[in-house]
Amino acid sequence: MVNALDSERKKTMDVRGYAVMAEKEKLVPWSFQRRDVGIDDVQIAIEWSGICHSDIHTGRSEWGDFNFPLVPGHEIVGRVTDVGANVSRFAVGQRVGVG
């Protein structure tokens, strides 16, 4: 018997981004898989994303060891495309930002 949590973990979605593949390398296009939206998650179609100086330090492993490949960037603006069952503050189609 498969429980709901195991079933949720097996779902994935194909995504694209720019990644640093190893310490101190340049950003390159990268396709990868993420888990699907969970019950407490908000999925955002990113329209704009910033790379700040903190992201540059992270990509160079200047602030400690990081797992690579690494997709930096966090100053995001986009639209909600899906929400989990427990989400009540956001709705599909809403414009959102993540600082």
N, C-alpha and C. Protein backbone atom coordinates (compact mmCIF):
# COMPACT_ATOMS: atom_id res chain seq x y z
N MET A 1 0.84 -1.18 0.00
CA MET A 1 0.00 0.00 0.00
C MET A 1 0.89 1.25 0.00
N VAL A 2 0.57 2.23 -0.81
CA VAL A 2 1.34 3.47 -0.90
C VAL A 2 0.58 4.54 -0.12
N ASN A 3 1.29 5.20 0.82
CA ASN A 3 0.60 6.28 1.55
C ASN A 3 0.67 7.57 0.75
N ALA A 4 -0.12 8.57 1.14
CA ALA A 4 -0.22 9.83 0.39
C ALA A 4 1.12 10.53 0.28
N LEU A 5 1.92 10.49 1.35
CA LEU A 5 3.22 11.17 1.33
C LEU A 5 4.15 10.53 0.32
N ASP A 6 4.21 9.18 0.27
CA ASP A 6 5.05 8.50 -0.72
C ASP A 6 4.60 8.82 -2.13
N SER A 7 3.31 8.85 -2.35
CA SER A 7 2.76 9.16 -3.66
C SER A 7 3.15 10.57 -4.08
N GLU A 8 3.08 11.53 -3.13
CA GLU A 8 3.42 12.92 -3.41
C GLU A 8 4.89 13.06 -3.78
N ARG A 9 5.76 12.33 -3.11
CA ARG A 9 7.21 12.43 -3.36
C ARG A 9 7.59 11.93 -4.74
N LYS A 10 6.80 11.06 -5.32
CA LYS A 10 7.15 10.47 -6.61
C LYS A 10 6.79 11.37 -7.77
N LYS A 11 5.96 12.35 -7.55
CA LYS A 11 5.58 13.27 -8.62
C LYS A 11 6.72 14.26 -8.85
N THR A 12 7.00 14.55 -10.09
CA THR A 12 8.04 15.53 -10.41
C THR A 12 7.57 16.41 -11.56
N MET A 13 8.27 17.52 -11.74
CA MET A 13 8.00 18.41 -12.88
C MET A 13 9.33 18.80 -13.50
N ASP A 14 9.34 18.92 -14.82
CA ASP A 14 10.53 19.35 -15.54
C ASP A 14 10.62 20.87 -15.49
N VAL A 15 11.79 21.40 -15.14
CA VAL A 15 12.00 22.84 -15.05
C VAL A 15 13.34 23.20 -15.69
N ARG A 16 13.50 24.48 -15.97
CA ARG A 16 14.75 24.99 -16.53
C ARG A 16 15.23 26.17 -15.70
N GLY A 17 16.52 26.34 -15.63
CA GLY A 17 17.09 27.47 -14.92
C GLY A 17 18.53 27.66 -15.34
N TYR A 18 19.21 28.56 -14.67
CA TYR A 18 20.65 28.74 -14.87
C TYR A 18 21.33 28.25 -13.61
N ALA A 19 22.34 27.42 -13.79
CA ALA A 19 22.99 26.79 -12.65
C ALA A 19 24.50 26.98 -12.70
N VAL A 20 25.10 26.97 -11.53
CA VAL A 20 26.54 26.86 -11.38
C VAL A 20 26.77 25.36 -11.16
N MET A 21 27.48 24.70 -12.07
CA MET A 21 27.63 23.25 -12.01
C MET A 21 28.71 22.80 -11.03
N ALA A 22 29.67 23.66 -10.76
CA ALA A 22 30.75 23.35 -9.81
C ALA A 22 31.30 24.67 -9.28
N GLU A 23 31.97 24.60 -8.18
CA GLU A 23 32.51 25.79 -7.52
C GLU A 23 33.28 26.69 -8.49
N LYS A 24 32.92 27.97 -8.49
CA LYS A 24 33.60 29.02 -9.26
C LYS A 24 33.40 28.94 -10.77
N GLU A 25 32.47 28.10 -11.24
CA GLU A 25 32.17 28.06 -12.67
C GLU A 25 31.11 29.11 -13.00
N LYS A 26 30.95 29.39 -14.29
CA LYS A 26 29.94 30.35 -14.75
C LYS A 26 28.56 29.71 -14.78
N LEU A 27 27.54 30.56 -14.74
CA LEU A 27 26.16 30.09 -14.89
C LEU A 27 25.96 29.52 -16.29
N VAL A 28 25.25 28.39 -16.36
CA VAL A 28 24.92 27.77 -17.65
C VAL A 28 23.46 27.33 -17.61
N PRO A 29 22.79 27.25 -18.79
CA PRO A 29 21.42 26.74 -18.81
C PRO A 29 21.39 25.30 -18.31
N TRP A 30 20.33 24.96 -17.56
CA TRP A 30 20.24 23.61 -16.99
C TRP A 30 18.78 23.19 -16.89
N SER A 31 18.49 21.99 -17.31
CA SER A 31 17.16 21.39 -17.15
C SER A 31 17.25 20.34 -16.07
N PHE A 32 16.24 20.31 -15.19
CA PHE A 32 16.26 19.36 -14.07
C PHE A 32 14.84 19.09 -13.62
N GLN A 33 14.68 18.17 -12.69
CA GLN A 33 13.36 17.83 -12.19
C GLN A 33 13.22 18.27 -10.74
N ARG A 34 12.04 18.78 -10.41
CA ARG A 34 11.69 19.15 -9.04
C ARG A 34 10.49 18.31 -8.63
N ARG A 35 10.32 18.17 -7.35
CA ARG A 35 9.12 17.47 -6.88
C ARG A 35 7.91 18.33 -7.19
N ASP A 36 6.78 17.71 -7.31
CA ASP A 36 5.55 18.41 -7.60
C ASP A 36 5.11 19.23 -6.39
N VAL A 37 4.13 20.07 -6.57
CA VAL A 37 3.61 20.94 -5.51
C VAL A 37 3.03 20.09 -4.38
N GLY A 38 3.50 20.37 -3.15
CA GLY A 38 2.99 19.68 -1.97
C GLY A 38 1.82 20.43 -1.36
N ILE A 39 1.26 19.88 -0.30
CA ILE A 39 0.05 20.46 0.28
C ILE A 39 0.26 21.85 0.89
N ASP A 40 1.49 22.21 1.23
CA ASP A 40 1.78 23.53 1.82
C ASP A 40 2.53 24.44 0.86
N ASP A 41 2.64 24.07 -0.40
CA ASP A 41 3.48 24.79 -1.36
C ASP A 41 2.69 25.75 -2.25
N VAL A 42 3.42 26.73 -2.79
CA VAL A 42 2.92 27.64 -3.81
C VAL A 42 3.87 27.53 -5.00
N GLN A 43 3.36 27.20 -6.16
CA GLN A 43 4.17 27.14 -7.37
C GLN A 43 4.06 28.47 -8.10
N ILE A 44 5.21 29.02 -8.49
CA ILE A 44 5.25 30.32 -9.15
C ILE A 44 5.90 30.18 -10.52
N ALA A 45 5.26 30.70 -11.56
CA ALA A 45 5.89 30.84 -12.87
C ALA A 45 6.71 32.12 -12.78
N ILE A 46 8.02 31.99 -12.75
CA ILE A 46 8.91 33.13 -12.53
C ILE A 46 9.00 33.96 -13.81
N GLU A 47 8.68 35.25 -13.68
CA GLU A 47 8.79 36.18 -14.80
C GLU A 47 10.08 36.98 -14.73
N TRP A 48 10.52 37.28 -13.52
CA TRP A 48 11.76 38.04 -13.30
C TRP A 48 12.45 37.48 -12.06
N SER A 49 13.77 37.41 -12.11
CA SER A 49 14.54 36.95 -10.95
C SER A 49 15.86 37.70 -10.92
N GLY A 50 16.23 38.13 -9.75
CA GLY A 50 17.50 38.84 -9.60
C GLY A 50 18.59 37.94 -9.06
N ILE A 51 19.79 38.24 -9.42
CA ILE A 51 20.98 37.59 -8.85
C ILE A 51 21.71 38.68 -8.08
N CYS A 52 21.85 38.49 -6.78
CA CYS A 52 22.52 39.51 -5.97
C CYS A 52 23.93 39.06 -5.62
N HIS A 53 24.64 39.93 -4.95
CA HIS A 53 26.03 39.63 -4.60
C HIS A 53 26.13 38.39 -3.70
N SER A 54 25.13 38.17 -2.86
CA SER A 54 25.12 36.97 -2.02
C SER A 54 25.10 35.70 -2.87
N ASP A 55 24.34 35.72 -3.97
CA ASP A 55 24.28 34.57 -4.86
C ASP A 55 25.64 34.31 -5.51
N ILE A 56 26.35 35.37 -5.85
CA ILE A 56 27.68 35.22 -6.44
C ILE A 56 28.64 34.57 -5.44
N HIS A 57 28.63 35.04 -4.20
CA HIS A 57 29.47 34.42 -3.16
C HIS A 57 29.11 32.95 -2.98
N THR A 58 27.82 32.65 -3.00
CA THR A 58 27.38 31.27 -2.83
C THR A 58 27.89 30.40 -3.97
N GLY A 59 27.76 30.86 -5.20
CA GLY A 59 28.22 30.11 -6.36
C GLY A 59 29.72 29.88 -6.38
N ARG A 60 30.44 30.70 -5.70
CA ARG A 60 31.90 30.55 -5.60
C ARG A 60 32.32 29.79 -4.34
N SER A 61 31.36 29.34 -3.55
CA SER A 61 31.61 28.66 -2.27
C SER A 61 32.46 29.51 -1.33
N GLU A 62 32.27 30.83 -1.38
CA GLU A 62 33.06 31.72 -0.53
C GLU A 62 32.50 31.83 0.89
N TRP A 63 31.30 31.32 1.10
CA TRP A 63 30.68 31.38 2.42
C TRP A 63 30.45 29.99 2.99
N GLY A 64 31.21 29.04 2.56
CA GLY A 64 31.06 27.67 3.03
C GLY A 64 30.88 26.72 1.87
N ASP A 65 30.73 25.46 2.21
CA ASP A 65 30.55 24.43 1.19
C ASP A 65 29.08 24.34 0.78
N PHE A 66 28.84 24.20 -0.51
CA PHE A 66 27.50 24.09 -1.04
C PHE A 66 27.42 22.88 -1.94
N ASN A 67 26.21 22.36 -2.11
CA ASN A 67 25.99 21.25 -3.04
C ASN A 67 25.81 21.81 -4.44
N PHE A 68 26.47 21.21 -5.39
CA PHE A 68 26.36 21.60 -6.79
C PHE A 68 25.74 20.45 -7.56
N PRO A 69 25.02 20.73 -8.64
CA PRO A 69 24.73 22.04 -9.22
C PRO A 69 23.88 22.89 -8.29
N LEU A 70 24.00 24.21 -8.46
CA LEU A 70 23.33 25.18 -7.61
C LEU A 70 22.64 26.21 -8.50
N VAL A 71 21.36 26.44 -8.27
CA VAL A 71 20.60 27.45 -9.02
C VAL A 71 20.43 28.66 -8.11
N PRO A 72 21.26 29.71 -8.29
CA PRO A 72 21.14 30.88 -7.43
C PRO A 72 20.00 31.80 -7.88
N GLY A 73 19.68 32.74 -7.04
CA GLY A 73 18.65 33.72 -7.36
C GLY A 73 17.48 33.57 -6.41
N HIS A 74 16.99 34.68 -5.93
CA HIS A 74 15.89 34.60 -4.98
C HIS A 74 14.94 35.79 -5.08
N GLU A 75 15.32 36.85 -5.66
CA GLU A 75 14.45 38.03 -5.76
C GLU A 75 13.54 37.82 -6.95
N ILE A 76 12.40 37.14 -6.68
CA ILE A 76 11.54 36.61 -7.73
C ILE A 76 10.23 37.37 -7.83
N VAL A 77 9.76 37.60 -9.06
CA VAL A 77 8.42 38.12 -9.32
C VAL A 77 7.80 37.18 -10.36
N GLY A 78 6.55 36.80 -10.12
CA GLY A 78 5.88 35.92 -11.05
C GLY A 78 4.41 35.78 -10.73
N ARG A 79 3.80 34.74 -11.30
CA ARG A 79 2.38 34.46 -11.08
C ARG A 79 2.22 33.07 -10.49
N VAL A 80 1.28 32.95 -9.57
CA VAL A 80 0.97 31.66 -8.96
C VAL A 80 0.31 30.78 -10.01
N THR A 81 0.85 29.56 -10.18
CA THR A 81 0.30 28.62 -11.15
C THR A 81 -0.35 27.41 -10.49
N ASP A 82 -0.05 27.19 -9.20
CA ASP A 82 -0.65 26.08 -8.47
C ASP A 82 -0.45 26.31 -6.98
N VAL A 83 -1.36 25.81 -6.18
CA VAL A 83 -1.23 25.90 -4.73
C VAL A 83 -1.62 24.56 -4.12
N GLY A 84 -0.99 24.26 -2.98
CA GLY A 84 -1.32 23.05 -2.25
C GLY A 84 -2.64 23.18 -1.51
N ALA A 85 -3.15 22.06 -1.07
CA ALA A 85 -4.46 22.01 -0.42
C ALA A 85 -4.54 22.85 0.85
N ASN A 86 -3.44 23.04 1.55
CA ASN A 86 -3.43 23.81 2.80
C ASN A 86 -3.19 25.30 2.60
N VAL A 87 -2.98 25.76 1.39
CA VAL A 87 -2.65 27.16 1.12
C VAL A 87 -3.92 27.98 1.00
N SER A 88 -3.98 29.09 1.77
CA SER A 88 -5.17 29.94 1.72
C SER A 88 -4.85 31.41 1.40
N ARG A 89 -3.59 31.81 1.51
CA ARG A 89 -3.23 33.22 1.29
C ARG A 89 -2.98 33.57 -0.17
N PHE A 90 -2.82 32.55 -1.02
CA PHE A 90 -2.48 32.80 -2.41
C PHE A 90 -3.43 32.04 -3.32
N ALA A 91 -3.65 32.59 -4.53
CA ALA A 91 -4.56 31.96 -5.49
C ALA A 91 -3.91 31.90 -6.86
N VAL A 92 -4.28 30.91 -7.63
CA VAL A 92 -3.77 30.77 -9.00
C VAL A 92 -4.07 32.05 -9.77
N GLY A 93 -3.06 32.56 -10.48
CA GLY A 93 -3.18 33.78 -11.27
C GLY A 93 -2.70 35.03 -10.55
N GLN A 94 -2.57 34.96 -9.24
CA GLN A 94 -2.13 36.12 -8.44
C GLN A 94 -0.66 36.43 -8.72
N ARG A 95 -0.34 37.74 -8.84
CA ARG A 95 1.06 38.17 -8.98
C ARG A 95 1.68 38.18 -7.59
N VAL A 96 2.88 37.60 -7.48
CA VAL A 96 3.55 37.49 -6.19
C VAL A 96 5.03 37.84 -6.33
N GLY A 97 5.64 38.13 -5.21
CA GLY A 97 7.08 38.38 -5.15
C GLY A 97 7.69 37.65 -3.98
N VAL A 98 8.92 37.22 -4.16
CA VAL A 98 9.67 36.55 -3.10
C VAL A 98 10.98 37.30 -2.94
N GLY A 99 11.24 37.80 -1.73
CA GLY A 99 12.45 38.55 -1.47
C GLY A 99 13.62 37.71 -1.08
